[in-house]
Amino acid sequence: MKEISMHILDIVMNSVRAEATLIEINIEDSKKLNRLKISVKDNGMGMSDEMVKKVEDPFFTTRTTRKVGLGIPMLKDNCERCNGSFKIQSREREGTLIECDFERNNIDRAPLGNMGDTIMAIIGSLESCELLYSHVTDRGTFVLNTSEVRKMLDGSSIRDNGVLLWIREYVNENIQYISTI
């Protein structure tokens, strides 16, 4: 994938398929430490130890629409190629945690991508699931919690096109603000 945000989207869609009711995305982007760390945690169905080993195999997928599952194996390869690491932990009926990090200035590291578009797409696909997104830089922290947004909407749908467009701009503006040094 050309952007790390597409890996995040892929992982979150797996969480949605695993019937998660809470998904947490955490991004730590530090120029000072030269690290980009990402974690995605859910409280979905989780996986057995055997399944966790299989998801790192590009020729394994649980989907019936294709015969390969490239998302996790490609992300792991991208992390390791950029002097980073990849870890997946999961317990059945408890959820899954995926953690990865990259050497930030590595020439092979893909750009993070447009997180506003990614968060908008994620929220647009959530029905009975909440998202907690935090983005930390050397300058500050931005947090978006869909349960708080829903309260502000006072009964209007968070999946309304106008609301989703506002969320995209809100995310992008805040990330830009905490990313400028």
N, C-alpha and C. Protein backbone atom coordinates (compact mmCIF):
# COMPACT_ATOMS: atom_id res chain seq x y z
N MET A 1 0.85 -1.17 0.00
CA MET A 1 0.00 0.00 0.00
C MET A 1 0.89 1.24 0.00
N LYS A 2 0.44 2.24 -0.67
CA LYS A 2 1.27 3.43 -0.86
C LYS A 2 1.30 4.34 0.36
N GLU A 3 0.33 4.22 1.23
CA GLU A 3 0.26 5.06 2.42
C GLU A 3 -0.05 4.20 3.64
N ILE A 4 0.53 4.57 4.78
CA ILE A 4 0.30 3.83 6.02
C ILE A 4 -1.16 3.93 6.44
N SER A 5 -1.81 5.04 6.12
CA SER A 5 -3.23 5.20 6.49
C SER A 5 -4.10 4.11 5.86
N MET A 6 -3.69 3.58 4.70
CA MET A 6 -4.46 2.51 4.07
C MET A 6 -4.29 1.20 4.84
N HIS A 7 -3.11 0.98 5.44
CA HIS A 7 -2.93 -0.18 6.32
C HIS A 7 -3.85 -0.05 7.54
N ILE A 8 -3.91 1.15 8.09
CA ILE A 8 -4.77 1.39 9.26
C ILE A 8 -6.22 1.10 8.90
N LEU A 9 -6.65 1.59 7.75
CA LEU A 9 -8.03 1.34 7.30
C LEU A 9 -8.29 -0.15 7.16
N ASP A 10 -7.35 -0.88 6.58
CA ASP A 10 -7.49 -2.32 6.40
C ASP A 10 -7.62 -3.04 7.75
N ILE A 11 -6.79 -2.67 8.70
CA ILE A 11 -6.83 -3.30 10.02
C ILE A 11 -8.17 -2.99 10.71
N VAL A 12 -8.61 -1.75 10.63
CA VAL A 12 -9.87 -1.37 11.27
C VAL A 12 -11.05 -2.10 10.64
N MET A 13 -11.03 -2.29 9.33
CA MET A 13 -12.11 -3.04 8.69
C MET A 13 -12.12 -4.48 9.17
N ASN A 14 -10.94 -5.04 9.45
CA ASN A 14 -10.89 -6.37 10.07
C ASN A 14 -11.55 -6.34 11.45
N SER A 15 -11.32 -5.28 12.20
CA SER A 15 -11.93 -5.13 13.53
C SER A 15 -13.45 -5.03 13.42
N VAL A 16 -13.93 -4.31 12.43
CA VAL A 16 -15.38 -4.19 12.22
C VAL A 16 -15.96 -5.56 11.90
N ARG A 17 -15.29 -6.33 11.02
CA ARG A 17 -15.76 -7.68 10.69
C ARG A 17 -15.71 -8.61 11.90
N ALA A 18 -14.81 -8.30 12.85
CA ALA A 18 -14.70 -9.10 14.07
C ALA A 18 -15.70 -8.65 15.13
N GLU A 19 -16.66 -7.81 14.73
CA GLU A 19 -17.75 -7.36 15.59
C GLU A 19 -17.29 -6.56 16.81
N ALA A 20 -16.23 -5.79 16.65
CA ALA A 20 -15.76 -4.93 17.74
C ALA A 20 -16.80 -3.86 18.03
N THR A 21 -16.90 -3.47 19.30
CA THR A 21 -17.76 -2.36 19.68
C THR A 21 -16.92 -1.14 20.04
N LEU A 22 -15.61 -1.32 20.19
CA LEU A 22 -14.69 -0.22 20.45
C LEU A 22 -13.39 -0.49 19.70
N ILE A 23 -12.96 0.49 18.93
CA ILE A 23 -11.69 0.42 18.21
C ILE A 23 -10.87 1.64 18.60
N GLU A 24 -9.62 1.40 18.99
CA GLU A 24 -8.73 2.48 19.38
C GLU A 24 -7.55 2.54 18.41
N ILE A 25 -7.33 3.70 17.82
CA ILE A 25 -6.19 3.93 16.94
C ILE A 25 -5.30 4.96 17.63
N ASN A 26 -4.04 4.61 17.82
CA ASN A 26 -3.08 5.53 18.43
C ASN A 26 -1.89 5.70 17.50
N ILE A 27 -1.55 6.94 17.22
CA ILE A 27 -0.40 7.25 16.38
C ILE A 27 0.52 8.17 17.18
N GLU A 28 1.79 7.80 17.24
CA GLU A 28 2.82 8.64 17.86
C GLU A 28 3.84 8.94 16.79
N ASP A 29 3.94 10.20 16.42
CA ASP A 29 4.82 10.62 15.34
C ASP A 29 5.84 11.60 15.91
N SER A 30 7.07 11.12 16.14
CA SER A 30 8.09 11.95 16.77
C SER A 30 9.29 12.16 15.86
N LYS A 31 9.48 13.41 15.47
CA LYS A 31 10.69 13.75 14.72
C LYS A 31 11.91 13.65 15.64
N LYS A 32 11.75 14.08 16.89
CA LYS A 32 12.87 14.05 17.85
C LYS A 32 13.39 12.63 18.07
N LEU A 33 12.47 11.67 18.19
CA LEU A 33 12.86 10.27 18.43
C LEU A 33 13.05 9.49 17.13
N ASN A 34 12.70 10.12 16.00
CA ASN A 34 12.79 9.49 14.68
C ASN A 34 11.97 8.19 14.63
N ARG A 35 10.75 8.22 15.19
CA ARG A 35 9.89 7.05 15.23
C ARG A 35 8.47 7.44 14.84
N LEU A 36 7.83 6.53 14.16
CA LEU A 36 6.40 6.60 13.88
C LEU A 36 5.82 5.30 14.42
N LYS A 37 5.01 5.41 15.48
CA LYS A 37 4.43 4.23 16.12
C LYS A 37 2.92 4.26 15.93
N ILE A 38 2.38 3.09 15.63
CA ILE A 38 0.95 2.98 15.39
C ILE A 38 0.43 1.75 16.14
N SER A 39 -0.71 1.91 16.78
CA SER A 39 -1.37 0.75 17.38
C SER A 39 -2.86 0.82 17.06
N VAL A 40 -3.43 -0.34 16.82
CA VAL A 40 -4.87 -0.48 16.60
C VAL A 40 -5.33 -1.59 17.53
N LYS A 41 -6.26 -1.25 18.39
CA LYS A 41 -6.76 -2.20 19.39
C LYS A 41 -8.27 -2.29 19.26
N ASP A 42 -8.81 -3.52 19.36
CA ASP A 42 -10.25 -3.67 19.33
C ASP A 42 -10.69 -4.67 20.38
N ASN A 43 -11.98 -4.67 20.66
CA ASN A 43 -12.57 -5.63 21.60
C ASN A 43 -13.45 -6.63 20.87
N GLY A 44 -13.05 -6.97 19.65
CA GLY A 44 -13.83 -7.89 18.82
C GLY A 44 -13.66 -9.34 19.22
N MET A 45 -13.97 -10.23 18.29
CA MET A 45 -13.96 -11.67 18.55
C MET A 45 -12.57 -12.22 18.87
N GLY A 46 -11.53 -11.55 18.43
CA GLY A 46 -10.19 -12.03 18.68
C GLY A 46 -9.88 -13.27 17.86
N MET A 47 -8.66 -13.78 18.06
CA MET A 47 -8.20 -14.93 17.30
C MET A 47 -7.47 -15.91 18.21
N SER A 48 -7.46 -17.16 17.79
CA SER A 48 -6.68 -18.17 18.49
C SER A 48 -5.20 -17.94 18.19
N ASP A 49 -4.32 -18.56 18.97
CA ASP A 49 -2.88 -18.46 18.72
C ASP A 49 -2.54 -18.96 17.32
N GLU A 50 -3.20 -20.03 16.90
CA GLU A 50 -2.97 -20.60 15.57
C GLU A 50 -3.36 -19.61 14.48
N MET A 51 -4.48 -18.94 14.65
CA MET A 51 -4.94 -17.96 13.67
C MET A 51 -3.99 -16.77 13.61
N VAL A 52 -3.47 -16.32 14.76
CA VAL A 52 -2.53 -15.19 14.79
C VAL A 52 -1.31 -15.51 13.93
N LYS A 53 -0.83 -16.73 14.02
CA LYS A 53 0.33 -17.13 13.20
C LYS A 53 -0.02 -17.13 11.72
N LYS A 54 -1.23 -17.54 11.41
CA LYS A 54 -1.64 -17.64 10.00
C LYS A 54 -1.83 -16.27 9.34
N VAL A 55 -2.29 -15.26 10.09
CA VAL A 55 -2.59 -13.97 9.46
C VAL A 55 -1.34 -13.27 8.91
N GLU A 56 -0.17 -13.69 9.36
CA GLU A 56 1.06 -13.11 8.82
C GLU A 56 1.48 -13.78 7.52
N ASP A 57 0.77 -14.80 7.09
CA ASP A 57 1.04 -15.52 5.85
C ASP A 57 0.22 -14.87 4.72
N PRO A 58 0.90 -14.37 3.66
CA PRO A 58 0.15 -13.70 2.59
C PRO A 58 -0.78 -14.63 1.80
N PHE A 59 -0.61 -15.93 1.94
CA PHE A 59 -1.45 -16.86 1.20
C PHE A 59 -2.58 -17.42 2.05
N PHE A 60 -2.89 -16.70 3.14
CA PHE A 60 -4.00 -17.08 4.01
C PHE A 60 -4.97 -15.92 4.10
N THR A 61 -6.24 -16.21 4.01
CA THR A 61 -7.28 -15.22 4.26
C THR A 61 -8.55 -15.94 4.68
N THR A 62 -9.37 -15.26 5.45
CA THR A 62 -10.66 -15.82 5.84
C THR A 62 -11.75 -15.35 4.87
N ARG A 63 -11.40 -14.43 3.99
CA ARG A 63 -12.38 -13.92 3.03
C ARG A 63 -12.62 -14.93 1.93
N THR A 64 -13.82 -14.89 1.41
CA THR A 64 -14.17 -15.80 0.32
C THR A 64 -14.07 -15.12 -1.04
N THR A 65 -13.84 -13.80 -1.04
CA THR A 65 -13.80 -13.06 -2.30
C THR A 65 -12.42 -13.07 -2.96
N ARG A 66 -11.41 -13.52 -2.22
CA ARG A 66 -10.06 -13.60 -2.79
C ARG A 66 -9.27 -14.67 -2.07
N LYS A 67 -8.14 -15.08 -2.67
CA LYS A 67 -7.38 -16.20 -2.13
C LYS A 67 -6.14 -15.78 -1.37
N VAL A 68 -5.87 -14.49 -1.28
CA VAL A 68 -4.70 -14.02 -0.54
C VAL A 68 -5.13 -12.96 0.46
N GLY A 69 -4.34 -12.81 1.51
CA GLY A 69 -4.58 -11.80 2.53
C GLY A 69 -3.31 -10.99 2.71
N LEU A 70 -3.15 -9.95 1.95
CA LEU A 70 -1.88 -9.23 1.91
C LEU A 70 -1.75 -8.11 2.93
N GLY A 71 -2.82 -7.69 3.56
CA GLY A 71 -2.77 -6.53 4.45
C GLY A 71 -1.75 -6.64 5.56
N ILE A 72 -1.91 -7.60 6.44
CA ILE A 72 -1.01 -7.77 7.59
C ILE A 72 0.40 -8.12 7.13
N PRO A 73 0.59 -9.09 6.22
CA PRO A 73 1.96 -9.40 5.79
C PRO A 73 2.69 -8.21 5.16
N MET A 74 1.98 -7.39 4.39
CA MET A 74 2.61 -6.22 3.79
C MET A 74 2.99 -5.19 4.85
N LEU A 75 2.12 -4.99 5.82
CA LEU A 75 2.43 -4.03 6.89
C LEU A 75 3.64 -4.50 7.68
N LYS A 76 3.67 -5.77 8.02
CA LYS A 76 4.82 -6.31 8.77
C LYS A 76 6.11 -6.13 7.98
N ASP A 77 6.07 -6.43 6.69
CA ASP A 77 7.24 -6.27 5.84
C ASP A 77 7.67 -4.81 5.77
N ASN A 78 6.71 -3.90 5.62
CA ASN A 78 7.03 -2.48 5.56
C ASN A 78 7.70 -2.00 6.85
N CYS A 79 7.20 -2.44 7.99
CA CYS A 79 7.79 -2.06 9.28
C CYS A 79 9.24 -2.55 9.38
N GLU A 80 9.42 -3.82 9.11
CA GLU A 80 10.75 -4.41 9.24
C GLU A 80 11.74 -3.82 8.25
N ARG A 81 11.29 -3.49 7.06
CA ARG A 81 12.16 -2.89 6.04
C ARG A 81 12.59 -1.49 6.47
N CYS A 82 11.84 -0.86 7.34
CA CYS A 82 12.13 0.50 7.79
C CYS A 82 12.71 0.51 9.21
N ASN A 83 13.48 -0.52 9.55
CA ASN A 83 14.12 -0.64 10.87
C ASN A 83 13.11 -0.51 12.01
N GLY A 84 11.92 -1.07 11.79
CA GLY A 84 10.87 -1.02 12.80
C GLY A 84 10.50 -2.41 13.26
N SER A 85 9.33 -2.50 13.84
CA SER A 85 8.86 -3.78 14.36
C SER A 85 7.36 -3.92 14.17
N PHE A 86 6.89 -5.15 14.28
CA PHE A 86 5.48 -5.46 14.13
C PHE A 86 5.12 -6.51 15.17
N LYS A 87 3.99 -6.30 15.84
CA LYS A 87 3.55 -7.27 16.84
C LYS A 87 2.03 -7.35 16.81
N ILE A 88 1.53 -8.57 16.90
CA ILE A 88 0.09 -8.78 16.97
C ILE A 88 -0.20 -9.67 18.16
N GLN A 89 -1.17 -9.25 18.97
CA GLN A 89 -1.62 -10.02 20.12
C GLN A 89 -3.13 -10.14 20.02
N SER A 90 -3.63 -11.32 20.32
CA SER A 90 -5.07 -11.51 20.25
C SER A 90 -5.50 -12.62 21.19
N ARG A 91 -6.69 -12.46 21.72
CA ARG A 91 -7.30 -13.50 22.55
C ARG A 91 -8.74 -13.64 22.09
N GLU A 92 -9.14 -14.88 21.94
CA GLU A 92 -10.52 -15.13 21.52
C GLU A 92 -11.50 -14.52 22.50
N ARG A 93 -12.55 -13.89 21.96
CA ARG A 93 -13.62 -13.22 22.71
C ARG A 93 -13.14 -12.01 23.52
N GLU A 94 -11.87 -11.57 23.31
CA GLU A 94 -11.36 -10.40 24.03
C GLU A 94 -10.89 -9.30 23.10
N GLY A 95 -10.40 -9.66 21.92
CA GLY A 95 -9.97 -8.64 20.99
C GLY A 95 -8.55 -8.82 20.49
N THR A 96 -8.11 -7.83 19.73
CA THR A 96 -6.81 -7.89 19.06
C THR A 96 -6.10 -6.56 19.21
N LEU A 97 -4.79 -6.63 19.34
CA LEU A 97 -3.93 -5.45 19.38
C LEU A 97 -2.84 -5.63 18.35
N ILE A 98 -2.71 -4.66 17.47
CA ILE A 98 -1.63 -4.65 16.48
C ILE A 98 -0.80 -3.41 16.75
N GLU A 99 0.51 -3.63 16.92
CA GLU A 99 1.44 -2.54 17.16
C GLU A 99 2.55 -2.60 16.12
N CYS A 100 2.87 -1.45 15.57
CA CYS A 100 3.98 -1.41 14.63
C CYS A 100 4.68 -0.08 14.75
N ASP A 101 5.95 -0.08 14.38
CA ASP A 101 6.65 1.19 14.35
C ASP A 101 7.66 1.20 13.22
N PHE A 102 8.00 2.41 12.83
CA PHE A 102 8.88 2.64 11.70
C PHE A 102 9.96 3.64 12.11
N GLU A 103 11.13 3.50 11.52
CA GLU A 103 12.12 4.57 11.60
C GLU A 103 11.55 5.70 10.74
N ARG A 104 11.28 6.82 11.35
CA ARG A 104 10.53 7.89 10.68
C ARG A 104 11.18 8.39 9.41
N ASN A 105 12.50 8.59 9.43
CA ASN A 105 13.16 9.18 8.27
C ASN A 105 13.74 8.14 7.31
N ASN A 106 13.32 6.89 7.47
CA ASN A 106 13.80 5.83 6.58
C ASN A 106 13.31 6.09 5.16
N ILE A 107 14.20 5.96 4.21
CA ILE A 107 13.86 6.26 2.81
C ILE A 107 12.75 5.35 2.28
N ASP A 108 12.60 4.17 2.85
CA ASP A 108 11.58 3.22 2.39
C ASP A 108 10.23 3.39 3.08
N ARG A 109 10.16 4.26 4.09
CA ARG A 109 8.88 4.42 4.81
C ARG A 109 7.87 5.16 3.95
N ALA A 110 6.73 4.56 3.81
CA ALA A 110 5.63 5.21 3.08
C ALA A 110 5.14 6.40 3.90
N PRO A 111 4.56 7.38 3.24
CA PRO A 111 3.98 8.51 4.00
C PRO A 111 2.77 8.03 4.82
N LEU A 112 2.48 8.75 5.89
CA LEU A 112 1.32 8.40 6.71
C LEU A 112 0.05 8.48 5.88
N GLY A 113 -0.08 9.47 5.04
CA GLY A 113 -1.28 9.62 4.22
C GLY A 113 -2.28 10.54 4.87
N ASN A 114 -3.44 10.62 4.28
CA ASN A 114 -4.48 11.54 4.72
C ASN A 114 -5.34 10.88 5.79
N MET A 115 -5.03 11.16 7.05
CA MET A 115 -5.78 10.54 8.14
C MET A 115 -7.20 11.06 8.22
N GLY A 116 -7.45 12.28 7.77
CA GLY A 116 -8.83 12.79 7.74
C GLY A 116 -9.71 11.93 6.87
N ASP A 117 -9.22 11.61 5.66
CA ASP A 117 -9.98 10.73 4.76
C ASP A 117 -10.17 9.35 5.38
N THR A 118 -9.11 8.84 6.01
CA THR A 118 -9.16 7.50 6.60
C THR A 118 -10.16 7.45 7.76
N ILE A 119 -10.10 8.42 8.65
CA ILE A 119 -11.03 8.45 9.79
C ILE A 119 -12.46 8.64 9.30
N MET A 120 -12.65 9.48 8.29
CA MET A 120 -13.98 9.67 7.71
C MET A 120 -14.52 8.35 7.16
N ALA A 121 -13.68 7.61 6.42
CA ALA A 121 -14.12 6.33 5.86
C ALA A 121 -14.45 5.33 6.96
N ILE A 122 -13.63 5.32 8.00
CA ILE A 122 -13.86 4.39 9.11
C ILE A 122 -15.20 4.70 9.79
N ILE A 123 -15.40 5.96 10.16
CA ILE A 123 -16.63 6.34 10.85
C ILE A 123 -17.85 6.08 9.97
N GLY A 124 -17.70 6.30 8.68
CA GLY A 124 -18.81 6.04 7.76
C GLY A 124 -19.21 4.58 7.70
N SER A 125 -18.30 3.68 8.10
CA SER A 125 -18.61 2.25 8.06
C SER A 125 -19.03 1.70 9.42
N LEU A 126 -18.97 2.50 10.46
CA LEU A 126 -19.31 2.02 11.80
C LEU A 126 -20.80 2.15 12.06
N GLU A 127 -21.40 1.09 12.54
CA GLU A 127 -22.81 1.15 12.91
C GLU A 127 -22.96 1.18 14.42
N SER A 128 -22.54 0.11 15.07
CA SER A 128 -22.70 0.03 16.52
C SER A 128 -21.33 -0.09 17.18
N CYS A 129 -20.40 0.68 16.71
CA CYS A 129 -19.03 0.63 17.19
C CYS A 129 -18.53 2.05 17.42
N GLU A 130 -17.76 2.23 18.47
CA GLU A 130 -17.17 3.53 18.76
C GLU A 130 -15.69 3.52 18.37
N LEU A 131 -15.19 4.69 18.02
CA LEU A 131 -13.79 4.86 17.63
C LEU A 131 -13.15 5.89 18.55
N LEU A 132 -11.99 5.55 19.05
CA LEU A 132 -11.17 6.48 19.81
C LEU A 132 -9.86 6.62 19.06
N TYR A 133 -9.60 7.81 18.54
CA TYR A 133 -8.41 8.07 17.72
C TYR A 133 -7.56 9.11 18.42
N SER A 134 -6.29 8.78 18.64
CA SER A 134 -5.38 9.77 19.21
C SER A 134 -4.14 9.86 18.34
N HIS A 135 -3.66 11.07 18.20
CA HIS A 135 -2.50 11.36 17.36
C HIS A 135 -1.59 12.27 18.17
N VAL A 136 -0.39 11.78 18.46
CA VAL A 136 0.56 12.50 19.31
C VAL A 136 1.79 12.86 18.48
N THR A 137 2.22 14.11 18.60
CA THR A 137 3.46 14.55 17.96
C THR A 137 4.33 15.21 19.03
N ASP A 138 5.50 15.66 18.62
CA ASP A 138 6.37 16.37 19.56
C ASP A 138 5.73 17.67 20.05
N ARG A 139 4.77 18.17 19.31
CA ARG A 139 4.14 19.45 19.65
C ARG A 139 2.87 19.32 20.47
N GLY A 140 2.16 18.20 20.34
CA GLY A 140 0.91 18.09 21.06
C GLY A 140 0.14 16.83 20.75
N THR A 141 -1.09 16.80 21.23
CA THR A 141 -1.96 15.63 21.11
C THR A 141 -3.32 16.05 20.58
N PHE A 142 -3.86 15.22 19.69
CA PHE A 142 -5.21 15.41 19.18
C PHE A 142 -5.96 14.11 19.43
N VAL A 143 -7.19 14.23 19.95
CA VAL A 143 -8.01 13.06 20.23
C VAL A 143 -9.40 13.28 19.63
N LEU A 144 -9.91 12.23 19.00
CA LEU A 144 -11.28 12.23 18.49
C LEU A 144 -11.97 11.00 19.06
N ASN A 145 -13.09 11.22 19.72
CA ASN A 145 -13.86 10.15 20.34
C ASN A 145 -15.27 10.20 19.76
N THR A 146 -15.66 9.16 19.03
CA THR A 146 -16.97 9.20 18.37
C THR A 146 -18.13 9.27 19.37
N SER A 147 -17.96 8.73 20.56
CA SER A 147 -19.06 8.82 21.52
C SER A 147 -19.29 10.27 21.93
N GLU A 148 -18.22 11.07 22.02
CA GLU A 148 -18.37 12.49 22.34
C GLU A 148 -18.99 13.25 21.16
N VAL A 149 -18.59 12.90 19.94
CA VAL A 149 -19.16 13.54 18.76
C VAL A 149 -20.65 13.23 18.68
N ARG A 150 -21.03 11.98 18.94
CA ARG A 150 -22.45 11.60 18.90
C ARG A 150 -23.27 12.41 19.90
N LYS A 151 -22.71 12.65 21.08
CA LYS A 151 -23.41 13.46 22.09
C LYS A 151 -23.64 14.88 21.58
N MET A 152 -22.63 15.44 20.92
CA MET A 152 -22.76 16.80 20.39
C MET A 152 -23.80 16.87 19.28
N LEU A 153 -23.97 15.77 18.55
CA LEU A 153 -24.92 15.76 17.43
C LEU A 153 -26.36 15.68 17.89
N ASP A 154 -26.58 15.33 19.15
CA ASP A 154 -27.92 15.33 19.74
C ASP A 154 -28.95 14.59 18.89
N GLY A 155 -28.61 13.34 18.53
CA GLY A 155 -29.56 12.51 17.80
C GLY A 155 -29.35 12.46 16.31
N SER A 156 -28.62 13.40 15.73
CA SER A 156 -28.31 13.33 14.30
C SER A 156 -27.29 12.22 14.07
N SER A 157 -27.27 11.71 12.86
CA SER A 157 -26.37 10.59 12.55
C SER A 157 -24.95 11.06 12.32
N ILE A 158 -24.02 10.37 12.95
CA ILE A 158 -22.60 10.66 12.74
C ILE A 158 -22.18 10.25 11.33
N ARG A 159 -23.00 9.41 10.69
CA ARG A 159 -22.68 8.93 9.34
C ARG A 159 -23.30 9.82 8.25
N ASP A 160 -23.91 10.92 8.64
CA ASP A 160 -24.44 11.89 7.68
C ASP A 160 -23.27 12.48 6.89
N ASN A 161 -23.46 12.67 5.58
CA ASN A 161 -22.37 13.16 4.73
C ASN A 161 -21.78 14.48 5.22
N GLY A 162 -22.61 15.40 5.65
CA GLY A 162 -22.12 16.68 6.15
C GLY A 162 -21.27 16.52 7.40
N VAL A 163 -21.69 15.64 8.29
CA VAL A 163 -20.94 15.38 9.51
C VAL A 163 -19.60 14.72 9.16
N LEU A 164 -19.63 13.74 8.26
CA LEU A 164 -18.38 13.07 7.86
C LEU A 164 -17.39 14.03 7.22
N LEU A 165 -17.88 14.94 6.40
CA LEU A 165 -16.99 15.93 5.79
C LEU A 165 -16.40 16.86 6.85
N TRP A 166 -17.21 17.23 7.84
CA TRP A 166 -16.71 18.06 8.93
C TRP A 166 -15.64 17.30 9.71
N ILE A 167 -15.88 16.02 10.00
CA ILE A 167 -14.90 15.22 10.73
C ILE A 167 -13.58 15.16 9.96
N ARG A 168 -13.65 14.95 8.65
CA ARG A 168 -12.42 14.90 7.83
C ARG A 168 -11.61 16.19 7.99
N GLU A 169 -12.28 17.32 7.86
CA GLU A 169 -11.59 18.61 7.98
C GLU A 169 -11.07 18.83 9.40
N TYR A 170 -11.86 18.47 10.39
CA TYR A 170 -11.48 18.62 11.80
C TYR A 170 -10.21 17.82 12.10
N VAL A 171 -10.17 16.58 11.63
CA VAL A 171 -9.00 15.72 11.84
C VAL A 171 -7.79 16.32 11.13
N ASN A 172 -7.93 16.64 9.87
CA ASN A 172 -6.79 17.17 9.10
C ASN A 172 -6.25 18.48 9.68
N GLU A 173 -7.15 19.39 10.06
CA GLU A 173 -6.70 20.67 10.64
C GLU A 173 -5.94 20.46 11.94
N ASN A 174 -6.44 19.58 12.79
CA ASN A 174 -5.78 19.35 14.08
C ASN A 174 -4.46 18.62 13.93
N ILE A 175 -4.39 17.68 13.02
CA ILE A 175 -3.11 17.00 12.78
C ILE A 175 -2.09 17.98 12.21
N GLN A 176 -2.53 18.82 11.30
CA GLN A 176 -1.61 19.83 10.76
C GLN A 176 -1.12 20.74 11.86
N TYR A 177 -2.00 21.15 12.76
CA TYR A 177 -1.63 22.04 13.85
C TYR A 177 -0.58 21.41 14.76
N ILE A 178 -0.79 20.15 15.17
CA ILE A 178 0.16 19.53 16.10
C ILE A 178 1.41 19.00 15.39
N SER A 179 1.42 19.06 14.07
CA SER A 179 2.58 18.57 13.33
C SER A 179 3.55 19.67 12.91
N THR A 180 3.13 20.92 13.06
CA THR A 180 4.01 22.02 12.65
C THR A 180 4.92 22.43 13.80
N ILE A 181 6.17 22.44 13.51
CA ILE A 181 7.15 22.87 14.53
C ILE A 181 7.98 24.00 13.96
